[in-house]
Amino acid sequence: MDSCILIINWNNGADTVACIKSVISFSDSNIIVLDNASEDDSIAVIQQYLTGNNIDSSAIALSELPDAGRHKVLFVKSSDN
């Protein structure tokens, strides 16, 4: 895998799931889904899709990242670098 695709979600889990399905169908890239403080059931919808389709995934809250609140930019880099 040489690429990573970022999908941003905000209050629209169904569209995000459709986007994930599309990406998975044509690419073996890693996918990062970033939720922008959704107030609906988006997180549950996305997690249910991933779990129901046996898609290996994990979730982390921004507050769980080290010093997350202290920085304006969270730079996620490849483990190869």
Protein backbone atom coordinates (compact mmCIF):
# COMPACT_ATOMS: atom_id res chain seq x y z
CA MET A 1 0.00 0.00 0.00
CA ASP A 2 1.54 3.22 -1.17
CA SER A 3 -1.29 5.59 -0.45
CA CYS A 4 -3.78 6.61 2.17
CA ILE A 5 -7.20 8.06 1.49
CA LEU A 6 -8.79 10.50 3.94
CA ILE A 7 -12.59 10.60 4.14
CA ILE A 8 -14.17 13.36 6.20
CA ASN A 9 -17.55 12.68 7.78
CA TRP A 10 -19.99 15.14 9.31
CA ASN A 11 -23.53 14.06 10.12
CA ASN A 12 -23.80 11.74 7.12
CA GLY A 13 -22.79 8.19 7.95
CA ALA A 14 -24.65 6.69 4.97
CA ASP A 15 -22.67 8.76 2.44
CA THR A 16 -19.44 8.00 4.26
CA VAL A 17 -20.18 4.27 4.12
CA ALA A 18 -20.87 4.59 0.39
CA CYS A 19 -17.54 6.35 -0.03
CA ILE A 20 -15.72 3.65 1.96
CA LYS A 21 -17.36 0.96 -0.22
CA SER A 22 -16.27 2.77 -3.36
CA VAL A 23 -12.67 3.18 -2.22
CA ILE A 24 -12.42 -0.45 -1.10
CA SER A 25 -13.78 -1.66 -4.45
CA PHE A 26 -10.99 -0.10 -6.51
CA SER A 27 -8.06 0.39 -4.17
CA ASP A 28 -6.01 -1.40 -1.56
CA SER A 29 -5.05 1.91 0.05
CA ASN A 30 -5.37 2.55 3.75
CA ILE A 31 -8.41 4.61 4.63
CA ILE A 32 -8.67 7.17 7.41
CA VAL A 33 -12.16 8.35 8.31
CA LEU A 34 -12.13 11.63 10.20
CA ASP A 35 -15.37 12.55 11.92
CA ASN A 36 -15.95 16.27 12.31
CA ALA A 37 -17.92 16.18 15.58
CA SER A 38 -21.07 14.63 14.11
CA GLU A 39 -24.17 14.99 16.25
CA ASP A 40 -26.15 12.23 14.56
CA ASP A 41 -25.64 8.46 14.51
CA SER A 42 -22.84 8.61 11.92
CA ILE A 43 -20.27 6.89 14.10
CA ALA A 44 -22.61 3.99 14.85
CA VAL A 45 -23.58 3.66 11.18
CA ILE A 46 -19.95 3.57 10.03
CA GLN A 47 -18.84 1.18 12.78
CA GLN A 48 -21.80 -1.12 12.09
CA TYR A 49 -20.85 -1.28 8.41
CA LEU A 50 -17.20 -2.02 9.18
CA THR A 51 -18.03 -4.66 11.79
CA GLY A 52 -20.79 -6.26 9.72
CA ASN A 53 -18.45 -6.64 6.75
CA ASN A 54 -15.46 -7.90 8.75
CA ILE A 55 -13.35 -4.92 7.73
CA ASP A 56 -10.32 -4.63 9.96
CA SER A 57 -10.54 -1.25 11.65
CA SER A 58 -9.79 0.66 14.81
CA ALA A 59 -11.02 3.91 16.28
CA ILE A 60 -9.37 6.53 18.43
CA ALA A 61 -10.69 9.74 19.93
CA LEU A 62 -8.71 12.92 19.35
CA SER A 63 -8.45 13.35 23.11
CA GLU A 64 -6.64 10.00 23.29
CA LEU A 65 -3.80 11.20 21.07
CA PRO A 66 -0.73 12.48 22.89
CA ASP A 67 -0.88 16.26 23.38
CA ALA A 68 -3.73 16.49 20.86
CA GLY A 69 -5.21 19.68 22.29
CA ARG A 70 -1.89 21.47 22.29
CA HIS A 71 -1.25 21.46 18.54
CA LYS A 72 -2.94 23.12 15.57
CA VAL A 73 -1.77 20.36 13.22
CA LEU A 74 -1.79 16.63 13.76
CA PHE A 75 0.65 15.18 11.26
CA VAL A 76 0.19 11.46 10.66
CA LYS A 77 3.09 9.97 8.77
CA SER A 78 3.82 6.60 7.31
CA SER A 79 5.60 4.12 9.53
CA ASP A 80 8.13 3.79 6.68
CA ASN A 81 9.42 7.34 7.32
